[in-house]
């Protein structure tokens, strides 16, 4: 079972997460932005920036945009944090989360 499941073309519900690392919750107070990177065997998706729900608690939400989930399939995912120092951190750094985009019945 995937960590997040949605139908092709849908924009709701948003992807919500709490980012953690080896030391626990990642405080995003000093993050400039976070993006979601998804990849299947044939498709790569890099989203626009996420919304911060609670920076100190590492909580964020990404509201899917039209076209983000245009192709059904199983995607490996990661969050890319851009810190105000110019550094970049990828979470998780030792694995991926999974997003399953199911084919819908609408032929368009």
C-alpha atoms as a PDB file:
ATOM      1  CA  UNK A   1       0.000   0.000   0.000  1.00  0.00           C
ATOM      2  CA  UNK A   2       1.265   3.463  -0.924  1.00  0.00           C
ATOM      3  CA  UNK A   3       1.802   6.259   1.586  1.00  0.00           C
ATOM      4  CA  UNK A   4      -0.589   8.477  -0.430  1.00  0.00           C
ATOM      5  CA  UNK A   5      -3.255   7.399  -2.938  1.00  0.00           C
ATOM      6  CA  UNK A   6      -5.196   9.564  -5.386  1.00  0.00           C
ATOM      7  CA  UNK A   7      -6.918   9.296  -8.789  1.00  0.00           C
ATOM      8  CA  UNK A   8      -5.369  10.614 -12.007  1.00  0.00           C
ATOM      9  CA  UNK A   9      -6.135  14.298 -12.576  1.00  0.00           C
ATOM     10  CA  UNK A  10      -7.426  14.955  -9.054  1.00  0.00           C
ATOM     11  CA  UNK A  11      -6.257  17.980  -7.091  1.00  0.00           C
ATOM     12  CA  UNK A  12      -7.812  17.019  -3.731  1.00  0.00           C
ATOM     13  CA  UNK A  13      -6.866  15.972  -1.088  1.00  0.00           C
ATOM     14  CA  UNK A  14      -3.576  17.768  -0.594  1.00  0.00           C
ATOM     15  CA  UNK A  15      -0.383  15.900   0.250  1.00  0.00           C
ATOM     16  CA  UNK A  16       0.348  16.512   3.929  1.00  0.00           C
ATOM     17  CA  UNK A  17       3.506  15.542   5.796  1.00  0.00           C
ATOM     18  CA  UNK A  18       5.610  16.097   8.870  1.00  0.00           C
ATOM     19  CA  UNK A  19       9.289  16.026   7.968  1.00  0.00           C
ATOM     20  CA  UNK A  20      11.587  14.092  10.264  1.00  0.00           C
ATOM     21  CA  UNK A  21      15.216  13.047  10.255  1.00  0.00           C
ATOM     22  CA  UNK A  22      17.544  11.031  12.454  1.00  0.00           C
ATOM     23  CA  UNK A  23      17.217  13.609  15.248  1.00  0.00           C
ATOM     24  CA  UNK A  24      13.416  13.797  15.073  1.00  0.00           C
ATOM     25  CA  UNK A  25      11.224  16.562  13.672  1.00  0.00           C
ATOM     26  CA  UNK A  26      12.902  18.934  11.211  1.00  0.00           C
ATOM     27  CA  UNK A  27      12.306  22.559  12.205  1.00  0.00           C
ATOM     28  CA  UNK A  28      11.513  24.409   8.964  1.00  0.00           C
ATOM     29  CA  UNK A  29      11.647  27.899  10.490  1.00  0.00           C
ATOM     30  CA  UNK A  30      14.742  28.784   8.428  1.00  0.00           C
ATOM     31  CA  UNK A  31      13.576  27.104   5.210  1.00  0.00           C
ATOM     32  CA  UNK A  32      12.994  29.336   2.184  1.00  0.00           C
ATOM     33  CA  UNK A  33      10.938  26.707   0.385  1.00  0.00           C
ATOM     34  CA  UNK A  34      10.169  23.016   0.062  1.00  0.00           C
ATOM     35  CA  UNK A  35       9.269  21.217  -3.155  1.00  0.00           C
ATOM     36  CA  UNK A  36       7.996  17.708  -3.811  1.00  0.00           C
ATOM     37  CA  UNK A  37       9.893  15.534  -6.302  1.00  0.00           C
ATOM     38  CA  UNK A  38       8.087  12.477  -7.686  1.00  0.00           C
ATOM     39  CA  UNK A  39       9.352   9.911 -10.172  1.00  0.00           C
ATOM     40  CA  UNK A  40       7.810   6.819 -11.751  1.00  0.00           C
ATOM     41  CA  UNK A  41       9.502   4.591 -14.307  1.00  0.00           C
ATOM     42  CA  UNK A  42       8.498   7.021 -17.072  1.00  0.00           C
ATOM     43  CA  UNK A  43       7.483  10.370 -15.509  1.00  0.00           C
ATOM     44  CA  UNK A  44       9.186  12.966 -13.297  1.00  0.00           C
ATOM     45  CA  UNK A  45       7.222  15.629 -11.426  1.00  0.00           C
ATOM     46  CA  UNK A  46       8.681  18.621  -9.588  1.00  0.00           C
ATOM     47  CA  UNK A  47       5.962  20.588  -7.848  1.00  0.00           C
ATOM     48  CA  UNK A  48       5.629  24.214  -6.952  1.00  0.00           C
ATOM     49  CA  UNK A  49       6.441  25.156  -3.363  1.00  0.00           C
ATOM     50  CA  UNK A  50       4.510  23.644  -0.464  1.00  0.00           C
ATOM     51  CA  UNK A  51       2.538  25.572   2.138  1.00  0.00           C
ATOM     52  CA  UNK A  52       3.982  25.548   5.637  1.00  0.00           C
ATOM     53  CA  UNK A  53       1.357  24.418   8.166  1.00  0.00           C
ATOM     54  CA  UNK A  54       3.614  24.568  11.262  1.00  0.00           C
ATOM     55  CA  UNK A  55       7.244  25.369  10.460  1.00  0.00           C
ATOM     56  CA  UNK A  56       8.640  24.535  13.921  1.00  0.00           C
ATOM     57  CA  UNK A  57       6.888  21.149  13.891  1.00  0.00           C
ATOM     58  CA  UNK A  58       8.019  20.365  10.329  1.00  0.00           C
ATOM     59  CA  UNK A  59       4.434  20.214   9.032  1.00  0.00           C
ATOM     60  CA  UNK A  60       3.614  21.105   5.454  1.00  0.00           C
ATOM     61  CA  UNK A  61       0.914  20.668   2.836  1.00  0.00           C
ATOM     62  CA  UNK A  62       1.026  20.599  -0.949  1.00  0.00           C
ATOM     63  CA  UNK A  63      -2.125  21.481  -2.865  1.00  0.00           C
ATOM     64  CA  UNK A  64      -1.918  19.578  -6.156  1.00  0.00           C
ATOM     65  CA  UNK A  65      -2.101  21.729  -9.275  1.00  0.00           C
ATOM     66  CA  UNK A  66      -3.932  20.771 -12.456  1.00  0.00           C
ATOM     67  CA  UNK A  67      -1.569  18.614 -14.500  1.00  0.00           C
ATOM     68  CA  UNK A  68       0.572  17.418 -11.579  1.00  0.00           C
ATOM     69  CA  UNK A  69      -1.060  13.988 -11.595  1.00  0.00           C
ATOM     70  CA  UNK A  70      -1.815  13.574 -15.300  1.00  0.00           C
ATOM     71  CA  UNK A  71      -0.262  10.108 -15.589  1.00  0.00           C
ATOM     72  CA  UNK A  72      -1.358   7.118 -13.505  1.00  0.00           C
ATOM     73  CA  UNK A  73       1.342   5.029 -11.872  1.00  0.00           C
ATOM     74  CA  UNK A  74       3.419   4.396  -8.777  1.00  0.00           C
ATOM     75  CA  UNK A  75       5.756   7.251  -7.876  1.00  0.00           C
ATOM     76  CA  UNK A  76       8.708   7.408  -5.488  1.00  0.00           C
ATOM     77  CA  UNK A  77       8.775  10.729  -3.702  1.00  0.00           C
ATOM     78  CA  UNK A  78      10.978  13.012  -1.670  1.00  0.00           C
ATOM     79  CA  UNK A  79      10.844  16.513  -0.238  1.00  0.00           C
ATOM     80  CA  UNK A  80      13.585  18.968  -1.181  1.00  0.00           C
ATOM     81  CA  UNK A  81      14.172  21.656   1.456  1.00  0.00           C
ATOM     82  CA  UNK A  82      15.866  24.873   0.329  1.00  0.00           C
ATOM     83  CA  UNK A  83      17.372  26.549   3.406  1.00  0.00           C
ATOM     84  CA  UNK A  84      17.947  30.295   3.692  1.00  0.00           C
ATOM     85  CA  UNK A  85      21.709  29.526   3.827  1.00  0.00           C
ATOM     86  CA  UNK A  86      21.572  28.228   0.238  1.00  0.00           C
ATOM     87  CA  UNK A  87      21.885  24.608   1.375  1.00  0.00           C
ATOM     88  CA  UNK A  88      19.562  21.881   0.087  1.00  0.00           C
ATOM     89  CA  UNK A  89      18.366  18.903   2.131  1.00  0.00           C
ATOM     90  CA  UNK A  90      16.391  15.943   0.757  1.00  0.00           C
ATOM     91  CA  UNK A  91      13.947  14.097   3.023  1.00  0.00           C
ATOM     92  CA  UNK A  92      13.831  11.202   3.449  1.00  0.00           C
ATOM     93  CA  UNK A  93      17.549  10.870   2.760  1.00  0.00           C
ATOM     94  CA  UNK A  94      17.706   7.068   2.923  1.00  0.00           C
ATOM     95  CA  UNK A  95      14.499   6.004   1.149  1.00  0.00           C
ATOM     96  CA  UNK A  96      11.370   7.414  -0.530  1.00  0.00           C
ATOM     97  CA  UNK A  97       7.699   7.776   0.235  1.00  0.00           C
ATOM     98  CA  UNK A  98       5.265   6.389  -2.336  1.00  0.00           C
ATOM     99  CA  UNK A  99       2.362   7.993  -4.170  1.00  0.00           C
ATOM    100  CA  UNK A 100      -0.056   5.790  -6.097  1.00  0.00           C
ATOM    101  CA  UNK A 101      -1.976   7.599  -8.839  1.00  0.00           C
ATOM    102  CA  UNK A 102      -4.829   5.366  -9.970  1.00  0.00           C
ATOM    103  CA  UNK A 103      -6.348   5.521 -13.427  1.00  0.00           C
ATOM    104  CA  UNK A 104      -9.769   7.171 -13.295  1.00  0.00           C
ATOM    105  CA  UNK A 105     -12.748   6.183 -15.474  1.00  0.00           C
ATOM    106  CA  UNK A 106     -12.994   9.525 -17.292  1.00  0.00           C
ATOM    107  CA  UNK A 107     -11.530   8.915 -20.783  1.00  0.00           C
ATOM    108  CA  UNK A 108     -10.555  12.584 -21.295  1.00  0.00           C
END
